[in-house]
Amino acid sequence: MARWSGDARTAATAAALTPYAWRDLTDRMLARLVVGAADRHGVTAFLASLPGTDPGPAGAAEPTGPDDPRVEVLLRVLADRPWRGLTLDRLVTDLFAALDAWQAGRGTSDRDLRRPSGER
């Protein structure tokens, strides 16, 4: 199980999901909303880092597209646990841990693909 962390991405995503009855959502819609909220947080954080820029309040999350590969990653995590019994902060933290691990694994395989054949 992932270590709990109260980072800004987790807090922003949990806040974006709060307007929803998230425990009543399907696992697929929850995964799409988590990815959409995380993406929006990244854009908002980037914009806020630019001098003279105020992205304003974020509001409720918008789901990412249904074919986003990160949705499948989160669906595997949700299938392995009784997620409706978790707090929203705990659930989002666990989902981000899975996404971060998946992304790190993709980075490793991408580097391997760029390596010339015969090189190890």
Protein backbone atom coordinates (compact mmCIF):
# COMPACT_ATOMS: atom_id res chain seq x y z
CA MET A 1 0.00 0.00 0.00
CA ALA A 2 1.22 3.48 -0.78
CA ARG A 3 2.53 5.80 1.89
CA TRP A 4 0.09 8.60 2.68
CA SER A 5 1.12 12.02 1.45
CA GLY A 6 -0.77 15.29 1.59
CA ASP A 7 0.88 16.83 -1.48
CA ALA A 8 -0.70 19.64 -3.50
CA ARG A 9 -1.73 17.35 -6.38
CA THR A 10 -3.58 15.05 -4.00
CA ALA A 11 -5.29 17.94 -2.20
CA ALA A 12 -6.31 19.63 -5.46
CA THR A 13 -7.66 16.40 -6.94
CA ALA A 14 -9.59 15.49 -3.79
CA ALA A 15 -11.07 19.01 -3.73
CA ALA A 16 -12.08 18.71 -7.39
CA LEU A 17 -13.87 15.41 -6.67
CA THR A 18 -15.64 16.65 -3.54
CA PRO A 19 -18.67 18.05 -5.42
CA TYR A 20 -19.39 14.55 -6.76
CA ALA A 21 -20.98 11.66 -4.91
CA TRP A 22 -17.75 9.85 -5.80
CA ARG A 23 -18.60 6.64 -3.95
CA ASP A 24 -21.63 6.26 -6.25
CA LEU A 25 -19.58 6.62 -9.44
CA THR A 26 -18.49 3.67 -11.53
CA ASP A 27 -14.83 2.79 -11.18
CA ARG A 28 -14.26 3.94 -14.78
CA MET A 29 -15.82 7.37 -14.23
CA LEU A 30 -13.90 7.83 -10.99
CA ALA A 31 -10.65 6.98 -12.78
CA ARG A 32 -11.47 9.44 -15.60
CA LEU A 33 -12.25 12.19 -13.08
CA VAL A 34 -9.03 11.59 -11.12
CA VAL A 35 -6.92 11.81 -14.28
CA GLY A 36 -8.80 14.90 -15.46
CA ALA A 37 -8.39 16.62 -12.10
CA ALA A 38 -4.68 15.75 -11.99
CA ASP A 39 -4.15 17.14 -15.48
CA ARG A 40 -5.99 20.33 -14.60
CA HIS A 41 -3.90 20.71 -11.44
CA GLY A 42 -0.72 20.41 -13.53
CA VAL A 43 -1.87 23.09 -15.95
CA THR A 44 -3.07 25.35 -13.14
CA ALA A 45 0.23 24.96 -11.23
CA PHE A 46 2.16 25.78 -14.41
CA LEU A 47 0.06 28.86 -15.12
CA ALA A 48 0.32 30.05 -11.51
CA SER A 49 4.12 29.85 -11.80
CA LEU A 50 4.12 32.41 -14.61
CA PRO A 51 4.51 36.02 -13.46
CA GLY A 52 1.28 37.99 -13.66
CA THR A 53 -0.92 34.95 -14.23
CA ASP A 54 -3.92 34.05 -12.09
CA PRO A 55 -5.66 30.87 -13.27
CA GLY A 56 -8.55 31.46 -10.84
CA PRO A 57 -10.55 28.83 -8.93
CA ALA A 58 -10.53 25.31 -10.30
CA GLY A 59 -14.06 24.07 -9.54
CA ALA A 60 -15.30 20.52 -10.09
CA ALA A 61 -13.25 18.01 -12.08
CA GLU A 62 -13.84 17.25 -15.75
CA PRO A 63 -13.22 13.64 -16.82
CA THR A 64 -10.41 12.79 -19.19
CA GLY A 65 -11.20 10.95 -22.40
CA PRO A 66 -12.25 7.30 -22.09
CA ASP A 67 -9.26 6.08 -24.11
CA ASP A 68 -6.59 7.68 -21.90
CA PRO A 69 -4.20 4.82 -20.94
CA ARG A 70 -3.96 6.10 -17.38
CA VAL A 71 -7.62 5.18 -16.85
CA GLU A 72 -6.77 1.49 -17.32
CA VAL A 73 -3.95 1.79 -14.78
CA LEU A 74 -6.36 3.19 -12.21
CA LEU A 75 -9.02 0.60 -13.01
CA ARG A 76 -6.56 -2.16 -12.10
CA VAL A 77 -5.91 -0.47 -8.76
CA LEU A 78 -9.60 0.05 -8.04
CA ALA A 79 -10.39 -3.59 -8.86
CA ASP A 80 -7.99 -4.75 -6.15
CA ARG A 81 -9.49 -2.89 -3.21
CA PRO A 82 -12.78 -1.88 -1.59
CA TRP A 83 -12.24 1.76 -2.59
CA ARG A 84 -15.67 3.00 -1.57
CA GLY A 85 -14.69 2.40 2.06
CA LEU A 86 -11.61 4.63 1.88
CA THR A 87 -11.44 8.33 2.55
CA LEU A 88 -11.11 10.43 -0.59
CA ASP A 89 -7.62 11.62 0.40
CA ARG A 90 -6.44 8.04 0.99
CA LEU A 91 -7.94 6.83 -2.28
CA VAL A 92 -6.42 9.65 -4.35
CA THR A 93 -3.03 9.12 -2.70
CA ASP A 94 -3.12 5.40 -3.60
CA LEU A 95 -4.19 6.14 -7.17
CA PHE A 96 -1.39 8.67 -7.66
CA ALA A 97 1.14 6.20 -6.27
CA ALA A 98 0.02 3.73 -8.95
CA LEU A 99 0.15 6.37 -11.70
CA ASP A 100 3.60 7.51 -10.59
CA ALA A 101 4.90 3.92 -10.60
CA TRP A 102 3.37 3.29 -14.03
CA GLN A 103 4.87 6.49 -15.41
CA ALA A 104 8.30 5.62 -13.98
CA GLY A 105 8.07 2.20 -15.62
CA ARG A 106 7.14 3.79 -18.94
CA GLY A 107 10.16 6.06 -18.69
CA THR A 108 12.44 3.08 -18.21
CA SER A 109 10.99 1.19 -21.17
CA ASP A 110 11.15 4.32 -23.34
CA ARG A 111 14.87 4.68 -22.54
CA ASP A 112 15.38 1.00 -23.36
CA LEU A 113 13.66 1.46 -26.73
CA ARG A 114 15.95 4.38 -27.60
CA ARG A 115 19.09 2.42 -26.72
CA PRO A 116 20.94 1.11 -29.81
CA SER A 117 20.61 -2.65 -30.31
CA GLY A 118 23.43 -4.64 -28.79
CA GLU A 119 23.92 -2.07 -26.01
CA ARG A 120 23.02 -3.07 -22.47
